[in-house]
C-alpha atoms as a PDB file:
ATOM      1  CA  MET A   1     -81.394  29.543 -23.821  1.00  0.00           C
ATOM      2  CA  GLU A   2     -81.455  31.373 -27.148  1.00  0.00           C
ATOM      3  CA  VAL A   3     -83.981  30.371 -29.690  1.00  0.00           C
ATOM      4  CA  ILE A   4     -82.541  30.302 -33.167  1.00  0.00           C
ATOM      5  CA  GLU A   5     -85.147  30.502 -35.929  1.00  0.00           C
ATOM      6  CA  PRO A   6     -84.360  28.843 -39.181  1.00  0.00           C
ATOM      7  CA  THR A   7     -83.733  31.236 -42.082  1.00  0.00           C
ATOM      8  CA  PRO A   8     -86.856  31.203 -44.389  1.00  0.00           C
ATOM      9  CA  LYS A   9     -86.149  30.114 -47.952  1.00  0.00           C
ATOM     10  CA  GLN A  10     -85.076  32.660 -50.261  1.00  0.00           C
ATOM     11  CA  ARG A  11     -86.948  32.995 -53.411  1.00  0.00           C
ATOM     12  CA  PRO A  12     -84.608  33.228 -56.391  1.00  0.00           C
ATOM     13  CA  THR A  13     -84.699  36.339 -58.469  1.00  0.00           C
ATOM     14  CA  LEU A  14     -85.667  34.642 -61.643  1.00  0.00           C
ATOM     15  CA  LEU A  15     -88.618  32.953 -60.043  1.00  0.00           C
ATOM     16  CA  THR A  16     -89.676  36.269 -58.552  1.00  0.00           C
ATOM     17  CA  VAL A  17     -89.455  37.961 -62.098  1.00  0.00           C
ATOM     18  CA  LEU A  18     -91.315  35.122 -63.789  1.00  0.00           C
ATOM     19  CA  CYS A  19     -94.095  35.230 -61.283  1.00  0.00           C
ATOM     20  CA  ILE A  20     -94.419  39.027 -61.587  1.00  0.00           C
ATOM     21  CA  LEU A  21     -94.700  38.762 -65.340  1.00  0.00           C
ATOM     22  CA  THR A  22     -97.186  35.799 -64.941  1.00  0.00           C
ATOM     23  CA  PHE A  23     -99.204  37.985 -62.412  1.00  0.00           C
ATOM     24  CA  ILE A  24     -99.354  40.817 -65.134  1.00  0.00           C
ATOM     25  CA  GLY A  25    -100.178  38.596 -68.127  1.00  0.00           C
ATOM     26  CA  SER A  26    -102.555  36.077 -66.379  1.00  0.00           C
ATOM     27  CA  GLY A  27    -104.153  38.692 -64.366  1.00  0.00           C
ATOM     28  CA  PHE A  28    -104.846  40.896 -67.288  1.00  0.00           C
ATOM     29  CA  ASN A  29    -106.102  37.994 -69.399  1.00  0.00           C
ATOM     30  CA  THR A  30    -108.367  36.800 -66.429  1.00  0.00           C
ATOM     31  CA  LEU A  31    -110.083  40.184 -66.204  1.00  0.00           C
ATOM     32  CA  SER A  32    -110.339  40.685 -70.000  1.00  0.00           C
ATOM     33  CA  ASN A  33    -112.021  37.169 -70.486  1.00  0.00           C
ATOM     34  CA  LEU A  34    -114.418  38.057 -67.549  1.00  0.00           C
ATOM     35  CA  MET A  35    -115.293  41.121 -69.597  1.00  0.00           C
ATOM     36  CA  GLY A  36    -115.763  38.900 -72.578  1.00  0.00           C
ATOM     37  CA  MET A  37    -118.280  36.704 -70.683  1.00  0.00           C
ATOM     38  CA  ILE A  38    -120.046  39.783 -69.364  1.00  0.00           C
ATOM     39  CA  LEU A  39    -120.314  41.479 -72.666  1.00  0.00           C
ATOM     40  CA  SER A  40    -120.986  38.348 -74.767  1.00  0.00           C
ATOM     41  CA  PRO A  41    -124.798  38.998 -75.116  1.00  0.00           C
ATOM     42  CA  LEU A  42    -123.912  42.187 -77.025  1.00  0.00           C
ATOM     43  CA  LYS A  43    -122.959  39.948 -80.040  1.00  0.00           C
ATOM     44  CA  ASN A  44    -126.615  39.793 -80.898  1.00  0.00           C
ATOM     45  CA  LEU A  45    -126.620  43.541 -81.618  1.00  0.00           C
ATOM     46  CA  ILE A  46    -124.116  43.142 -84.355  1.00  0.00           C
ATOM     47  CA  ASP A  47    -124.994  42.458 -87.901  1.00  0.00           C
ATOM     48  CA  PRO A  48    -123.032  39.386 -89.241  1.00  0.00           C
ATOM     49  CA  SER A  49    -122.889  40.922 -92.765  1.00  0.00           C
ATOM     50  CA  ILE A  50    -120.221  43.240 -91.632  1.00  0.00           C
ATOM     51  CA  PHE A  51    -117.738  40.457 -91.987  1.00  0.00           C
ATOM     52  CA  GLU A  52    -118.684  39.963 -95.763  1.00  0.00           C
ATOM     53  CA  GLU A  53    -118.330  43.741 -96.413  1.00  0.00           C
ATOM     54  CA  ALA A  54    -114.697  43.489 -95.560  1.00  0.00           C
ATOM     55  CA  LEU A  55    -114.239  40.979 -98.385  1.00  0.00           C
ATOM     56  CA  ASP A  56    -115.807  43.306-100.994  1.00  0.00           C
ATOM     57  CA  ASN A  57    -112.783  45.661-100.981  1.00  0.00           C
ATOM     58  CA  VAL A  58    -110.177  43.022-101.636  1.00  0.00           C
ATOM     59  CA  GLN A  59    -108.904  42.548-105.207  1.00  0.00           C
ATOM     60  CA  ASP A  60    -106.016  40.000-105.023  1.00  0.00           C
ATOM     61  CA  ASP A  61    -106.818  36.309-105.145  1.00  0.00           C
ATOM     62  CA  PHE A  62    -104.479  35.306-102.315  1.00  0.00           C
ATOM     63  CA  ALA A  63    -105.504  38.324-100.286  1.00  0.00           C
ATOM     64  CA  THR A  64    -109.143  37.270-100.823  1.00  0.00           C
ATOM     65  CA  LYS A  65    -108.479  33.787 -99.615  1.00  0.00           C
ATOM     66  CA  PHE A  66    -106.577  35.039 -96.554  1.00  0.00           C
ATOM     67  CA  VAL A  67    -109.285  37.518 -95.609  1.00  0.00           C
ATOM     68  CA  GLN A  68    -112.011  34.831 -96.161  1.00  0.00           C
ATOM     69  CA  MET A  69    -110.155  32.529 -93.747  1.00  0.00           C
ATOM     70  CA  ALA A  70    -109.869  35.444 -91.277  1.00  0.00           C
ATOM     71  CA  ILE A  71    -113.626  36.059 -91.623  1.00  0.00           C
ATOM     72  CA  ASP A  72    -114.487  32.554 -91.029  1.00  0.00           C
ATOM     73  CA  ILE A  73    -112.295  32.477 -87.879  1.00  0.00           C
ATOM     74  CA  ALA A  74    -113.899  35.747 -86.700  1.00  0.00           C
ATOM     75  CA  GLN A  75    -117.461  34.398 -87.281  1.00  0.00           C
ATOM     76  CA  LYS A  76    -116.611  31.075 -85.359  1.00  0.00           C
ATOM     77  CA  ALA A  77    -115.031  33.044 -82.496  1.00  0.00           C
ATOM     78  CA  PHE A  78    -117.928  35.419 -82.516  1.00  0.00           C
ATOM     79  CA  ASP A  79    -120.380  32.523 -82.316  1.00  0.00           C
ATOM     80  CA  HIS A  80    -118.511  31.056 -79.371  1.00  0.00           C
ATOM     81  CA  VAL A  81    -117.356  34.240 -77.712  1.00  0.00           C
ATOM     82  CA  PHE A  82    -119.013  33.313 -74.269  1.00  0.00           C
ATOM     83  CA  GLU A  83    -117.568  29.690 -74.182  1.00  0.00           C
ATOM     84  CA  ILE A  84    -114.087  30.813 -75.330  1.00  0.00           C
ATOM     85  CA  SER A  85    -114.039  33.573 -72.684  1.00  0.00           C
ATOM     86  CA  LEU A  86    -115.282  31.172 -69.886  1.00  0.00           C
ATOM     87  CA  VAL A  87    -112.624  28.437 -70.647  1.00  0.00           C
ATOM     88  CA  ASN A  88    -109.866  31.160 -71.005  1.00  0.00           C
ATOM     89  CA  PHE A  89    -111.066  32.788 -67.786  1.00  0.00           C
ATOM     90  CA  LEU A  90    -110.795  29.455 -65.874  1.00  0.00           C
ATOM     91  CA  LEU A  91    -107.484  28.548 -67.401  1.00  0.00           C
ATOM     92  CA  TYR A  92    -105.837  31.976 -66.813  1.00  0.00           C
ATOM     93  CA  ALA A  93    -107.192  32.084 -63.321  1.00  0.00           C
ATOM     94  CA  ALA A  94    -105.596  28.634 -62.779  1.00  0.00           C
ATOM     95  CA  SER A  95    -102.285  29.913 -64.296  1.00  0.00           C
ATOM     96  CA  LEU A  96    -102.416  32.968 -61.911  1.00  0.00           C
ATOM     97  CA  THR A  97    -103.074  30.756 -58.957  1.00  0.00           C
ATOM     98  CA  GLY A  98    -100.229  28.548 -60.006  1.00  0.00           C
ATOM     99  CA  ALA A  99     -97.940  31.588 -60.112  1.00  0.00           C
ATOM    100  CA  ILE A 100     -99.086  32.781 -56.768  1.00  0.00           C
ATOM    101  CA  LEU A 101     -98.346  29.264 -55.367  1.00  0.00           C
ATOM    102  CA  MET A 102     -94.829  29.228 -56.891  1.00  0.00           C
ATOM    103  CA  PHE A 103     -94.266  32.645 -55.561  1.00  0.00           C
ATOM    104  CA  HIS A 104     -94.889  31.118 -52.104  1.00  0.00           C
ATOM    105  CA  LEU A 105     -92.433  28.341 -53.125  1.00  0.00           C
ATOM    106  CA  LYS A 106     -95.050  25.611 -53.583  1.00  0.00           C
ATOM    107  CA  LYS A 107     -94.506  22.689 -56.186  1.00  0.00           C
ATOM    108  CA  SER A 108     -98.217  22.439 -56.783  1.00  0.00           C
ATOM    109  CA  GLY A 109     -98.035  25.879 -58.347  1.00  0.00           C
ATOM    110  CA  PHE A 110     -95.797  24.569 -61.065  1.00  0.00           C
ATOM    111  CA  TYR A 111     -98.098  21.646 -61.880  1.00  0.00           C
ATOM    112  CA  LEU A 112    -101.155  23.955 -61.856  1.00  0.00           C
ATOM    113  CA  TYR A 113     -99.486  26.556 -64.016  1.00  0.00           C
ATOM    114  CA  THR A 114     -98.067  24.072 -66.531  1.00  0.00           C
ATOM    115  CA  LEU A 115    -101.432  22.253 -67.016  1.00  0.00           C
ATOM    116  CA  ALA A 116    -103.248  25.590 -67.560  1.00  0.00           C
ATOM    117  CA  GLN A 117    -100.587  26.748 -70.047  1.00  0.00           C
ATOM    118  CA  ILE A 118    -100.821  23.569 -72.097  1.00  0.00           C
ATOM    119  CA  LEU A 119    -104.634  23.663 -72.147  1.00  0.00           C
ATOM    120  CA  LEU A 120    -104.643  27.343 -73.126  1.00  0.00           C
ATOM    121  CA  ILE A 121    -102.898  26.406 -76.345  1.00  0.00           C
ATOM    122  CA  PHE A 122    -105.734  24.353 -77.570  1.00  0.00           C
ATOM    123  CA  VAL A 123    -108.598  26.603 -76.687  1.00  0.00           C
ATOM    124  CA  ALA A 124    -108.872  28.246 -80.127  1.00  0.00           C
ATOM    125  CA  PRO A 125    -108.489  25.115 -82.130  1.00  0.00           C
ATOM    126  CA  VAL A 126    -111.241  23.296 -80.088  1.00  0.00           C
ATOM    127  CA  PHE A 127    -113.815  26.149 -80.737  1.00  0.00           C
ATOM    128  CA  ILE A 128    -112.599  27.455 -84.073  1.00  0.00           C
ATOM    129  CA  GLY A 129    -110.829  24.488 -85.710  1.00  0.00           C
ATOM    130  CA  PHE A 130    -107.377  24.314 -87.228  1.00  0.00           C
ATOM    131  CA  ASN A 131    -106.344  26.252 -90.182  1.00  0.00           C
ATOM    132  CA  PHE A 132    -103.340  28.223 -91.209  1.00  0.00           C
ATOM    133  CA  ILE A 133    -103.911  31.319 -89.039  1.00  0.00           C
ATOM    134  CA  ILE A 134    -104.840  29.171 -85.945  1.00  0.00           C
ATOM    135  CA  ASN A 135    -101.878  27.074 -86.477  1.00  0.00           C
ATOM    136  CA  ILE A 136     -99.617  30.210 -86.365  1.00  0.00           C
ATOM    137  CA  GLY A 137    -101.287  31.313 -83.178  1.00  0.00           C
ATOM    138  CA  VAL A 138    -100.843  27.880 -81.648  1.00  0.00           C
ATOM    139  CA  LEU A 139     -97.157  27.978 -82.645  1.00  0.00           C
ATOM    140  CA  PHE A 140     -96.781  31.451 -81.264  1.00  0.00           C
ATOM    141  CA  ALA A 141     -98.460  30.565 -77.909  1.00  0.00           C
ATOM    142  CA  SER A 142     -96.572  27.324 -77.720  1.00  0.00           C
ATOM    143  CA  VAL A 143     -93.231  29.098 -77.878  1.00  0.00           C
ATOM    144  CA  PHE A 144     -93.956  31.455 -74.973  1.00  0.00           C
ATOM    145  CA  SER A 145     -95.710  28.664 -72.888  1.00  0.00           C
ATOM    146  CA  ILE A 146     -92.720  26.435 -73.334  1.00  0.00           C
ATOM    147  CA  LEU A 147     -90.251  29.176 -72.593  1.00  0.00           C
ATOM    148  CA  PHE A 148     -91.924  30.043 -69.288  1.00  0.00           C
ATOM    149  CA  ILE A 149     -92.580  26.457 -68.343  1.00  0.00           C
ATOM    150  CA  ALA A 150     -88.814  25.700 -68.918  1.00  0.00           C
ATOM    151  CA  LEU A 151     -87.777  28.887 -66.922  1.00  0.00           C
ATOM    152  CA  TYR A 152     -90.098  27.847 -64.065  1.00  0.00           C
ATOM    153  CA  ALA A 153     -88.792  24.300 -64.330  1.00  0.00           C
ATOM    154  CA  ILE A 154     -85.274  25.646 -63.749  1.00  0.00           C
ATOM    155  CA  ASN A 155     -86.472  26.979 -60.384  1.00  0.00           C
ATOM    156  CA  PHE A 156     -88.310  23.717 -59.545  1.00  0.00           C
ATOM    157  CA  LYS A 157     -85.623  22.661 -57.098  1.00  0.00           C
ATOM    158  CA  HIS A 158     -86.423  25.770 -54.885  1.00  0.00           C
ATOM    159  CA  LEU A 159     -90.125  24.714 -54.589  1.00  0.00           C
ATOM    160  CA  SER A 160     -91.336  22.523 -51.805  1.00  0.00           C
END
């Protein structure tokens, strides 16, 4: 008697491309945030007055307000560099894990990826607070996260 093996599920091309893009993006961000955690003690070697020196060269009122806002963001991010890097590291690692699971056609990967992407949007506001610049960053990150989640959702029927 001849044994017939079932044909393995084919991974759609779009899903493969999305997973590869996620491997690249989340993989790079996982490693860069790991480096951020490792190098975070070096923040104590930098003089905080360098932030204020940037403001001395600005003449326009609007530009002064904008630069001051950017300096405030930089100082808060600088103060919380380890915490931000740790949270981002964990969430990008979860995003990468979700993509690996989806590459292997597992539905759990979609849920893990989606949760990680949604939480990543709120990391900066939690540690730095909301302001115009952070809001623009949140909007920009949201567009790409929603796009990728929607494209992964199109392939949800292929996951088991």
